[in-house]
Amino acid sequence: MTATVQFVDTPDGPFGIIADEEDRVLASGWTADVDALLARLTPSIRPADVVPGTTSAAAAALAYYAGDVTAIDTVEVVQRGGEFHQRGWTALRTIEPGHPLSYQEFAAVLGSPTAVRAAASACARNAPALFVPCHRVLRTDGTLGGFAWGTDVKRSLLSRES
């Protein structure tokens, strides 16, 4: 498979998007490094080739940064993982902007209130960042916790959505 990569400038720095031949986002994040985006992908969906181009997701990301924080909601994504992670990635897309959950609350949404580490793992393995808003999950004490693209970006996204 040949994928398309597009980079856009955001207030949080360059934002890269890799999309498949059907324009579905495979990986995205705050970097100008294609290899950093590819490293987020499971081997089963890693493209054989990546070429510069245009993605529809870029327009959604720019609209998000222009103030329409729901512009990312309908962007199609593709992720591969086990059943728990799939449920987690689907559930992340239901967290409303401005209403983040704790990892414990997120685990409860997934039907496994004691599976806090597994819930956190779904966030950590999330390749299409922003479009699957793992930044909307916080530590139980309300602190940011980790984020693949840095806590400064996470803080900025949450502030934008509040």
C-alpha atoms as a PDB file:
ATOM      1  CA  MET A   1       0.000   0.000   0.000  1.00  0.00           C
ATOM      2  CA  THR A   2       1.098   3.541  -0.767  1.00  0.00           C
ATOM      3  CA  ALA A   3       0.018   6.131   1.774  1.00  0.00           C
ATOM      4  CA  THR A   4      -0.132   9.907   1.636  1.00  0.00           C
ATOM      5  CA  VAL A   5       1.613  12.160   4.120  1.00  0.00           C
ATOM      6  CA  GLN A   6       0.692  15.776   4.699  1.00  0.00           C
ATOM      7  CA  PHE A   7       2.051  18.283   7.184  1.00  0.00           C
ATOM      8  CA  VAL A   8       0.227  21.402   8.354  1.00  0.00           C
ATOM      9  CA  ASP A   9       1.355  24.195  10.628  1.00  0.00           C
ATOM     10  CA  THR A  10      -0.524  24.520  13.923  1.00  0.00           C
ATOM     11  CA  PRO A  11      -0.039  26.668  17.023  1.00  0.00           C
ATOM     12  CA  ASP A  12       1.367  23.501  18.633  1.00  0.00           C
ATOM     13  CA  GLY A  13       3.937  22.980  15.876  1.00  0.00           C
ATOM     14  CA  PRO A  14       3.948  20.927  12.694  1.00  0.00           C
ATOM     15  CA  PHE A  15       1.185  18.330  12.548  1.00  0.00           C
ATOM     16  CA  GLY A  16       1.722  15.291  10.336  1.00  0.00           C
ATOM     17  CA  ILE A  17      -0.934  12.991   8.927  1.00  0.00           C
ATOM     18  CA  ILE A  18      -0.471   9.659   7.164  1.00  0.00           C
ATOM     19  CA  ALA A  19      -3.581   8.464   5.326  1.00  0.00           C
ATOM     20  CA  ASP A  20      -4.218   5.262   3.409  1.00  0.00           C
ATOM     21  CA  GLU A  21      -5.392   5.003  -0.209  1.00  0.00           C
ATOM     22  CA  GLU A  22      -8.991   5.519   0.976  1.00  0.00           C
ATOM     23  CA  ASP A  23      -8.009   8.765   2.771  1.00  0.00           C
ATOM     24  CA  ARG A  24      -8.420   7.188   6.238  1.00  0.00           C
ATOM     25  CA  VAL A  25      -5.929   8.364   8.861  1.00  0.00           C
ATOM     26  CA  LEU A  26      -3.427   5.722   9.929  1.00  0.00           C
ATOM     27  CA  ALA A  27      -1.230   7.941  12.090  1.00  0.00           C
ATOM     28  CA  SER A  28      -0.985  11.576  13.037  1.00  0.00           C
ATOM     29  CA  GLY A  29       0.894  13.715  15.493  1.00  0.00           C
ATOM     30  CA  TRP A  30       2.837  16.861  16.211  1.00  0.00           C
ATOM     31  CA  THR A  31       5.985  16.216  14.214  1.00  0.00           C
ATOM     32  CA  ALA A  32       7.490  16.895  10.812  1.00  0.00           C
ATOM     33  CA  ASP A  33       9.189  13.473  10.861  1.00  0.00           C
ATOM     34  CA  VAL A  34       7.536  10.803   8.692  1.00  0.00           C
ATOM     35  CA  ASP A  35       9.481   8.064  10.470  1.00  0.00           C
ATOM     36  CA  ALA A  36       8.124   9.172  13.865  1.00  0.00           C
ATOM     37  CA  LEU A  37       4.587   8.774  12.500  1.00  0.00           C
ATOM     38  CA  LEU A  38       5.353   5.413  10.884  1.00  0.00           C
ATOM     39  CA  ALA A  39       6.809   4.147  14.172  1.00  0.00           C
ATOM     40  CA  ARG A  40       3.353   4.565  15.762  1.00  0.00           C
ATOM     41  CA  LEU A  41       1.819   2.028  13.345  1.00  0.00           C
ATOM     42  CA  THR A  42       1.409  -1.680  13.862  1.00  0.00           C
ATOM     43  CA  PRO A  43       3.223  -3.628  11.133  1.00  0.00           C
ATOM     44  CA  SER A  44      -0.039  -4.934   9.643  1.00  0.00           C
ATOM     45  CA  ILE A  45      -1.058  -1.440   8.481  1.00  0.00           C
ATOM     46  CA  ARG A  46       2.354   0.132   7.921  1.00  0.00           C
ATOM     47  CA  PRO A  47       2.459   1.317   4.285  1.00  0.00           C
ATOM     48  CA  ALA A  48       5.153   0.101   1.920  1.00  0.00           C
ATOM     49  CA  ASP A  49       5.567   3.618   0.580  1.00  0.00           C
ATOM     50  CA  VAL A  50       4.628   7.130   1.706  1.00  0.00           C
ATOM     51  CA  VAL A  51       4.308  10.017  -0.735  1.00  0.00           C
ATOM     52  CA  PRO A  52       3.554  13.695  -0.094  1.00  0.00           C
ATOM     53  CA  GLY A  53       0.022  14.749  -0.925  1.00  0.00           C
ATOM     54  CA  THR A  54      -3.252  16.107   0.390  1.00  0.00           C
ATOM     55  CA  THR A  55      -5.534  14.489   2.965  1.00  0.00           C
ATOM     56  CA  SER A  56      -9.062  15.486   3.943  1.00  0.00           C
ATOM     57  CA  ALA A  57      -7.985  15.114   7.569  1.00  0.00           C
ATOM     58  CA  ALA A  58      -5.694  18.150   7.202  1.00  0.00           C
ATOM     59  CA  ALA A  59      -8.707  20.408   6.617  1.00  0.00           C
ATOM     60  CA  ALA A  60     -10.359  18.957   9.738  1.00  0.00           C
ATOM     61  CA  ALA A  61      -7.217  19.566  11.811  1.00  0.00           C
ATOM     62  CA  LEU A  62      -7.014  23.170  10.615  1.00  0.00           C
ATOM     63  CA  ALA A  63     -10.733  23.688  11.353  1.00  0.00           C
ATOM     64  CA  TYR A  64     -10.143  22.289  14.849  1.00  0.00           C
ATOM     65  CA  TYR A  65      -7.383  24.820  15.418  1.00  0.00           C
ATOM     66  CA  ALA A  66      -9.598  27.582  13.982  1.00  0.00           C
ATOM     67  CA  GLY A  67     -12.100  26.896  16.779  1.00  0.00           C
ATOM     68  CA  ASP A  68     -14.335  24.076  15.532  1.00  0.00           C
ATOM     69  CA  VAL A  69     -13.232  21.434  18.047  1.00  0.00           C
ATOM     70  CA  THR A  70     -15.795  18.984  16.618  1.00  0.00           C
ATOM     71  CA  ALA A  71     -14.280  19.110  13.110  1.00  0.00           C
ATOM     72  CA  ILE A  72     -12.171  16.045  13.950  1.00  0.00           C
ATOM     73  CA  ASP A  73     -15.154  13.884  14.931  1.00  0.00           C
ATOM     74  CA  THR A  74     -15.992  12.443  11.502  1.00  0.00           C
ATOM     75  CA  VAL A  75     -12.477  11.875  10.170  1.00  0.00           C
ATOM     76  CA  GLU A  76     -12.145   8.205   9.269  1.00  0.00           C
ATOM     77  CA  VAL A  77      -9.297   6.325  10.920  1.00  0.00           C
ATOM     78  CA  VAL A  78      -7.884   2.798  10.766  1.00  0.00           C
ATOM     79  CA  GLN A  79      -6.266   1.068  13.726  1.00  0.00           C
ATOM     80  CA  ARG A  80      -5.393  -2.545  14.406  1.00  0.00           C
ATOM     81  CA  GLY A  81      -5.304  -4.075  17.848  1.00  0.00           C
ATOM     82  CA  GLY A  82      -7.041  -6.436  20.197  1.00  0.00           C
ATOM     83  CA  GLU A  83     -10.705  -6.224  21.136  1.00  0.00           C
ATOM     84  CA  PHE A  84     -10.079  -4.153  24.291  1.00  0.00           C
ATOM     85  CA  HIS A  85      -7.977  -1.593  22.420  1.00  0.00           C
ATOM     86  CA  GLN A  86     -10.553  -1.390  19.623  1.00  0.00           C
ATOM     87  CA  ARG A  87     -13.265  -0.659  22.209  1.00  0.00           C
ATOM     88  CA  GLY A  88     -10.986   1.896  23.817  1.00  0.00           C
ATOM     89  CA  TRP A  89     -10.282   3.719  20.569  1.00  0.00           C
ATOM     90  CA  THR A  90     -13.989   3.822  19.750  1.00  0.00           C
ATOM     91  CA  ALA A  91     -14.797   5.100  23.251  1.00  0.00           C
ATOM     92  CA  LEU A  92     -12.162   7.842  23.045  1.00  0.00           C
ATOM     93  CA  ARG A  93     -14.120   9.346  20.168  1.00  0.00           C
ATOM     94  CA  THR A  94     -17.176   9.706  22.429  1.00  0.00           C
ATOM     95  CA  ILE A  95     -15.473  11.857  25.078  1.00  0.00           C
ATOM     96  CA  GLU A  96     -16.860  15.345  24.661  1.00  0.00           C
ATOM     97  CA  PRO A  97     -14.456  18.252  24.221  1.00  0.00           C
ATOM     98  CA  GLY A  98     -14.063  20.121  27.502  1.00  0.00           C
ATOM     99  CA  HIS A  99     -15.111  17.089  29.563  1.00  0.00           C
ATOM    100  CA  PRO A 100     -12.002  14.914  29.974  1.00  0.00           C
ATOM    101  CA  LEU A 101     -12.168  11.654  31.879  1.00  0.00           C
ATOM    102  CA  SER A 102      -9.715  10.155  34.316  1.00  0.00           C
ATOM    103  CA  TYR A 103      -8.062   6.877  33.338  1.00  0.00           C
ATOM    104  CA  GLN A 104     -10.244   5.224  35.992  1.00  0.00           C
ATOM    105  CA  GLU A 105     -13.427   6.728  34.533  1.00  0.00           C
ATOM    106  CA  PHE A 106     -12.274   5.725  31.060  1.00  0.00           C
ATOM    107  CA  ALA A 107     -11.724   2.121  32.236  1.00  0.00           C
ATOM    108  CA  ALA A 108     -15.268   2.142  33.663  1.00  0.00           C
ATOM    109  CA  VAL A 109     -16.657   3.374  30.322  1.00  0.00           C
ATOM    110  CA  LEU A 110     -14.962   0.346  28.768  1.00  0.00           C
ATOM    111  CA  GLY A 111     -16.793  -1.917  31.202  1.00  0.00           C
ATOM    112  CA  SER A 112     -13.647  -2.794  33.152  1.00  0.00           C
ATOM    113  CA  PRO A 113     -13.325  -0.319  36.033  1.00  0.00           C
ATOM    114  CA  THR A 114     -10.278  -2.074  37.474  1.00  0.00           C
ATOM    115  CA  ALA A 115      -8.441  -2.201  34.119  1.00  0.00           C
ATOM    116  CA  VAL A 116      -6.890   1.249  34.479  1.00  0.00           C
ATOM    117  CA  ARG A 117      -3.520   0.183  33.031  1.00  0.00           C
ATOM    118  CA  ALA A 118      -5.176  -1.467  30.033  1.00  0.00           C
ATOM    119  CA  ALA A 119      -7.230   1.682  29.464  1.00  0.00           C
ATOM    120  CA  ALA A 120      -4.054   3.762  29.623  1.00  0.00           C
ATOM    121  CA  SER A 121      -2.462   1.354  27.153  1.00  0.00           C
ATOM    122  CA  ALA A 122      -5.263   2.054  24.645  1.00  0.00           C
ATOM    123  CA  CYS A 123      -4.355   5.729  24.907  1.00  0.00           C
ATOM    124  CA  ALA A 124      -0.623   5.074  24.602  1.00  0.00           C
ATOM    125  CA  ARG A 125      -1.064   2.900  21.486  1.00  0.00           C
ATOM    126  CA  ASN A 126      -3.368   5.365  19.741  1.00  0.00           C
ATOM    127  CA  ALA A 127      -1.725   6.207  16.402  1.00  0.00           C
ATOM    128  CA  PRO A 128      -4.190   8.748  14.888  1.00  0.00           C
ATOM    129  CA  ALA A 129      -3.782  11.330  17.648  1.00  0.00           C
ATOM    130  CA  LEU A 130      -6.184  14.267  17.646  1.00  0.00           C
ATOM    131  CA  PHE A 131      -8.731  12.374  15.504  1.00  0.00           C
ATOM    132  CA  VAL A 132      -8.977   9.738  18.244  1.00  0.00           C
ATOM    133  CA  PRO A 133      -8.662  12.183  21.147  1.00  0.00           C
ATOM    134  CA  CYS A 134      -6.629  10.301  23.719  1.00  0.00           C
ATOM    135  CA  HIS A 135      -5.549  13.699  25.071  1.00  0.00           C
ATOM    136  CA  ARG A 136      -8.978  13.832  26.773  1.00  0.00           C
ATOM    137  CA  VAL A 137      -7.933  11.265  29.404  1.00  0.00           C
ATOM    138  CA  LEU A 138      -6.166  12.444  32.565  1.00  0.00           C
ATOM    139  CA  ARG A 139      -4.716  10.939  35.713  1.00  0.00           C
ATOM    140  CA  THR A 140      -7.176  10.333  38.540  1.00  0.00           C
ATOM    141  CA  ASP A 141      -5.791  13.343  40.422  1.00  0.00           C
ATOM    142  CA  GLY A 142      -6.517  15.577  37.410  1.00  0.00           C
ATOM    143  CA  THR A 143      -2.911  15.963  36.267  1.00  0.00           C
ATOM    144  CA  LEU A 144      -2.059  15.471  32.627  1.00  0.00           C
ATOM    145  CA  GLY A 145      -0.246  12.144  32.691  1.00  0.00           C
ATOM    146  CA  GLY A 146       1.635  11.138  29.584  1.00  0.00           C
ATOM    147  CA  PHE A 147       1.080  11.978  25.935  1.00  0.00           C
ATOM    148  CA  ALA A 148       3.103  10.663  23.009  1.00  0.00           C
ATOM    149  CA  TRP A 149       3.506  14.169  21.599  1.00  0.00           C
ATOM    150  CA  GLY A 150       4.363  15.873  24.904  1.00  0.00           C
ATOM    151  CA  THR A 151       2.387  17.276  27.777  1.00  0.00           C
ATOM    152  CA  ASP A 152       2.671  20.840  26.428  1.00  0.00           C
ATOM    153  CA  VAL A 153       0.647  19.790  23.383  1.00  0.00           C
ATOM    154  CA  LYS A 154      -1.826  17.909  25.577  1.00  0.00           C
ATOM    155  CA  ARG A 155      -2.269  20.958  27.821  1.00  0.00           C
ATOM    156  CA  SER A 156      -2.798  23.187  24.770  1.00  0.00           C
ATOM    157  CA  LEU A 157      -5.441  20.856  23.284  1.00  0.00           C
ATOM    158  CA  LEU A 158      -7.339  20.609  26.554  1.00  0.00           C
ATOM    159  CA  SER A 159      -7.200  24.388  26.997  1.00  0.00           C
ATOM    160  CA  ARG A 160      -8.508  24.890  23.461  1.00  0.00           C
ATOM    161  CA  GLU A 161     -11.420  22.543  24.212  1.00  0.00           C
ATOM    162  CA  SER A 162     -12.344  23.950  27.628  1.00  0.00           C
END
